[in-house]
C-alpha atoms as a PDB file:
ATOM      1  CA  MET A   1      25.578  -6.738 -10.956  1.00  0.00           C
ATOM      2  CA  LEU A   2      22.695  -5.627  -8.758  1.00  0.00           C
ATOM      3  CA  GLU A   3      20.759  -8.353  -6.985  1.00  0.00           C
ATOM      4  CA  ILE A   4      17.544  -7.661  -5.081  1.00  0.00           C
ATOM      5  CA  ARG A   5      16.891  -9.708  -1.947  1.00  0.00           C
ATOM      6  CA  GLN A   6      14.293  -9.689   0.800  1.00  0.00           C
ATOM      7  CA  PHE A   7      15.151  -7.082   3.438  1.00  0.00           C
ATOM      8  CA  GLU A   8      16.405  -8.395   6.773  1.00  0.00           C
ATOM      9  CA  PRO A   9      16.999  -6.043   9.738  1.00  0.00           C
ATOM     10  CA  GLU A  10      20.691  -6.976   9.928  1.00  0.00           C
ATOM     11  CA  ASN A  11      21.132  -5.517   6.430  1.00  0.00           C
ATOM     12  CA  VAL A  12      21.212  -2.010   7.952  1.00  0.00           C
ATOM     13  CA  LEU A  13      24.154  -3.044  10.123  1.00  0.00           C
ATOM     14  CA  ALA A  14      26.083  -4.367   7.113  1.00  0.00           C
ATOM     15  CA  LEU A  15      25.390  -1.302   4.974  1.00  0.00           C
ATOM     16  CA  ASN A  16      28.026   1.457   5.005  1.00  0.00           C
ATOM     17  CA  ALA A  17      25.512   4.317   4.975  1.00  0.00           C
ATOM     18  CA  ARG A  18      26.043   7.672   3.315  1.00  0.00           C
ATOM     19  CA  GLU A  19      24.871  11.002   4.664  1.00  0.00           C
ATOM     20  CA  PRO A  20      22.278  12.023   5.653  1.00  0.00           C
ATOM     21  CA  ASP A  21      21.152   8.414   6.158  1.00  0.00           C
ATOM     22  CA  LYS A  22      23.954   7.641   8.610  1.00  0.00           C
ATOM     23  CA  SER A  23      23.264  10.690  10.817  1.00  0.00           C
ATOM     24  CA  ILE A  24      19.519  10.094  10.779  1.00  0.00           C
ATOM     25  CA  ALA A  25      19.915   6.422  11.711  1.00  0.00           C
ATOM     26  CA  HIS A  26      22.366   7.173  14.497  1.00  0.00           C
ATOM     27  CA  SER A  27      20.080   9.865  15.914  1.00  0.00           C
ATOM     28  CA  LEU A  28      17.434   7.214  16.608  1.00  0.00           C
ATOM     29  CA  PRO A  29      17.484   5.546  20.037  1.00  0.00           C
ATOM     30  CA  ASP A  30      17.779   2.113  18.402  1.00  0.00           C
ATOM     31  CA  TYR A  31      17.940   2.069  14.625  1.00  0.00           C
ATOM     32  CA  TYR A  32      18.185  -1.734  14.578  1.00  0.00           C
ATOM     33  CA  LYS A  33      14.795  -1.891  16.303  1.00  0.00           C
ATOM     34  CA  MET A  34      13.473   0.520  13.632  1.00  0.00           C
ATOM     35  CA  ALA A  35      14.822  -1.857  10.971  1.00  0.00           C
ATOM     36  CA  GLU A  36      12.959  -4.722  12.651  1.00  0.00           C
ATOM     37  CA  GLN A  37       9.774  -2.671  12.413  1.00  0.00           C
ATOM     38  CA  TYR A  38      10.440  -1.932   8.747  1.00  0.00           C
ATOM     39  CA  ALA A  39      10.778  -5.668   8.140  1.00  0.00           C
ATOM     40  CA  THR A  40       7.450  -6.480   9.801  1.00  0.00           C
ATOM     41  CA  HIS A  41       5.258  -3.513   8.801  1.00  0.00           C
ATOM     42  CA  GLY A  42       5.495  -3.671   5.043  1.00  0.00           C
ATOM     43  CA  PRO A  43       7.354  -4.997   2.051  1.00  0.00           C
ATOM     44  CA  ALA A  44      11.058  -4.186   1.889  1.00  0.00           C
ATOM     45  CA  TRP A  45      14.101  -5.215  -0.092  1.00  0.00           C
ATOM     46  CA  THR A  46      17.881  -4.861  -0.125  1.00  0.00           C
ATOM     47  CA  GLY A  47      19.938  -4.251  -3.241  1.00  0.00           C
ATOM     48  CA  TYR A  48      23.329  -5.959  -3.291  1.00  0.00           C
ATOM     49  CA  TYR A  49      26.339  -5.277  -5.458  1.00  0.00           C
ATOM     50  CA  GLY A  50      28.006  -8.667  -5.210  1.00  0.00           C
ATOM     51  CA  GLU A  51      27.803  -9.422  -1.493  1.00  0.00           C
ATOM     52  CA  VAL A  52      27.899  -5.768  -0.440  1.00  0.00           C
ATOM     53  CA  PRO A  53      24.574  -4.122   0.455  1.00  0.00           C
ATOM     54  CA  MET A  54      24.050  -1.030  -1.700  1.00  0.00           C
ATOM     55  CA  PHE A  55      20.688   0.074  -0.282  1.00  0.00           C
ATOM     56  CA  CYS A  56      17.683  -1.013   1.747  1.00  0.00           C
ATOM     57  CA  ALA A  57      14.234   0.310   0.865  1.00  0.00           C
ATOM     58  CA  GLY A  58      10.597  -0.408   1.447  1.00  0.00           C
ATOM     59  CA  ILE A  59       7.151   0.849   2.292  1.00  0.00           C
ATOM     60  CA  VAL A  60       5.578   0.834   5.738  1.00  0.00           C
ATOM     61  CA  LEU A  61       1.862   0.135   5.337  1.00  0.00           C
ATOM     62  CA  LEU A  62       0.176   2.827   7.435  1.00  0.00           C
ATOM     63  CA  TRP A  63      -3.476   1.982   6.712  1.00  0.00           C
ATOM     64  CA  PRO A  64      -5.379   0.553   3.727  1.00  0.00           C
ATOM     65  CA  GLY A  65      -4.405   2.501   0.629  1.00  0.00           C
ATOM     66  CA  CYS A  66      -1.535   4.459   2.227  1.00  0.00           C
ATOM     67  CA  GLY A  67       2.139   3.718   2.770  1.00  0.00           C
ATOM     68  CA  GLU A  68       5.295   5.541   3.756  1.00  0.00           C
ATOM     69  CA  GLY A  69       8.405   4.907   1.711  1.00  0.00           C
ATOM     70  CA  TRP A  70      11.862   4.712   3.243  1.00  0.00           C
ATOM     71  CA  ALA A  71      15.396   4.111   1.999  1.00  0.00           C
ATOM     72  CA  TYR A  72      18.783   3.637   3.618  1.00  0.00           C
ATOM     73  CA  THR A  73      21.620   4.035   1.137  1.00  0.00           C
ATOM     74  CA  SER A  74      25.371   3.567   0.790  1.00  0.00           C
ATOM     75  CA  GLU A  75      27.886   5.444  -1.369  1.00  0.00           C
ATOM     76  CA  LEU A  76      27.443   2.691  -3.978  1.00  0.00           C
ATOM     77  CA  VAL A  77      24.227   4.367  -5.151  1.00  0.00           C
ATOM     78  CA  ARG A  78      26.394   7.191  -6.533  1.00  0.00           C
ATOM     79  CA  GLU A  79      28.442   4.686  -8.505  1.00  0.00           C
ATOM     80  CA  PHE A  80      25.390   2.914  -9.915  1.00  0.00           C
ATOM     81  CA  PRO A  81      22.613   5.531  -9.975  1.00  0.00           C
ATOM     82  CA  VAL A  82      20.636   4.028 -12.856  1.00  0.00           C
ATOM     83  CA  ALA A  83      20.520   0.529 -11.354  1.00  0.00           C
ATOM     84  CA  PHE A  84      19.547   1.996  -7.975  1.00  0.00           C
ATOM     85  CA  HIS A  85      16.806   4.186  -9.456  1.00  0.00           C
ATOM     86  CA  ARG A  86      15.340   1.379 -11.559  1.00  0.00           C
ATOM     87  CA  ALA A  87      15.305  -1.077  -8.662  1.00  0.00           C
ATOM     88  CA  VAL A  88      13.515   1.333  -6.328  1.00  0.00           C
ATOM     89  CA  HIS A  89      11.124   2.528  -9.046  1.00  0.00           C
ATOM     90  CA  LYS A  90      10.142  -1.053  -9.920  1.00  0.00           C
ATOM     91  CA  GLY A  91       9.764  -1.915  -6.246  1.00  0.00           C
ATOM     92  CA  LEU A  92       7.503   1.085  -5.623  1.00  0.00           C
ATOM     93  CA  GLU A  93       5.318   0.247  -8.619  1.00  0.00           C
ATOM     94  CA  ARG A  94       5.053  -3.420  -7.634  1.00  0.00           C
ATOM     95  CA  VAL A  95       4.171  -2.663  -4.013  1.00  0.00           C
ATOM     96  CA  ALA A  96       1.674   0.082  -4.908  1.00  0.00           C
ATOM     97  CA  LYS A  97      -0.127  -2.283  -7.257  1.00  0.00           C
ATOM     98  CA  GLU A  98       0.009  -5.345  -4.980  1.00  0.00           C
ATOM     99  CA  TYR A  99      -1.259  -3.454  -1.911  1.00  0.00           C
ATOM    100  CA  LYS A 100      -3.626  -1.162  -3.852  1.00  0.00           C
ATOM    101  CA  LEU A 101      -1.938   1.953  -2.509  1.00  0.00           C
ATOM    102  CA  ARG A 102      -3.512   5.256  -3.504  1.00  0.00           C
ATOM    103  CA  ARG A 103      -0.875   7.244  -1.651  1.00  0.00           C
ATOM    104  CA  VAL A 104       2.811   6.707  -0.897  1.00  0.00           C
ATOM    105  CA  GLN A 105       4.504   9.455   1.071  1.00  0.00           C
ATOM    106  CA  ILE A 106       8.135  10.047   2.029  1.00  0.00           C
ATOM    107  CA  SER A 107      10.036  12.435   4.301  1.00  0.00           C
ATOM    108  CA  ILE A 108      13.340  13.963   3.228  1.00  0.00           C
ATOM    109  CA  PRO A 109      15.491  16.448   5.174  1.00  0.00           C
ATOM    110  CA  LYS A 110      14.934  19.932   3.742  1.00  0.00           C
ATOM    111  CA  ASP A 111      18.626  20.473   2.997  1.00  0.00           C
ATOM    112  CA  HIS A 112      19.237  17.164   1.218  1.00  0.00           C
ATOM    113  CA  LEU A 113      18.725  18.295  -2.366  1.00  0.00           C
ATOM    114  CA  VAL A 114      20.126  15.123  -3.932  1.00  0.00           C
ATOM    115  CA  SER A 115      17.408  13.029  -2.284  1.00  0.00           C
ATOM    116  CA  ARG A 116      14.704  15.598  -3.073  1.00  0.00           C
ATOM    117  CA  ASN A 117      15.648  15.670  -6.757  1.00  0.00           C
ATOM    118  CA  TRP A 118      15.690  11.885  -6.866  1.00  0.00           C
ATOM    119  CA  ALA A 119      12.223  11.763  -5.251  1.00  0.00           C
ATOM    120  CA  TYR A 120      10.891  14.078  -7.978  1.00  0.00           C
ATOM    121  CA  ARG A 121      12.329  11.721 -10.632  1.00  0.00           C
ATOM    122  CA  LEU A 122      10.474   8.865  -8.919  1.00  0.00           C
ATOM    123  CA  GLY A 123       7.247  10.854  -9.313  1.00  0.00           C
ATOM    124  CA  PHE A 124       6.795  12.290  -5.822  1.00  0.00           C
ATOM    125  CA  LYS A 125       5.410  15.816  -5.395  1.00  0.00           C
ATOM    126  CA  SER A 126       6.380  18.291  -2.688  1.00  0.00           C
ATOM    127  CA  GLU A 127       3.674  19.016  -0.120  1.00  0.00           C
ATOM    128  CA  GLY A 128       5.714  21.223   2.168  1.00  0.00           C
ATOM    129  CA  ALA A 129       8.729  23.480   2.337  1.00  0.00           C
END
């Protein structure tokens, strides 16, 4: 059963990240500090399967009307793709409405086709290569 909770920075430490999320996080000078910024610069949530974090996601509020989405995922999203998709989709819709966002943007590594295809299913459009 998927349970959605408020995101806390320590959730990224408890999450057994999948690629490319793990490599991206570990390439940052201090990904825990980045998680602290995610927690303070916009709404964010963590999806749990039992007591195991499945994913963390949220939107950094850049300026009025614009946000940048982010997600940090574990292998559990492959086991429960529908629950994961629905939770993130509902979260995006709720946040966009609550904060009156006209634009939500995301960045995905060019070679990560799984994430790109998922972003298209969420309604995102490609603006670059």
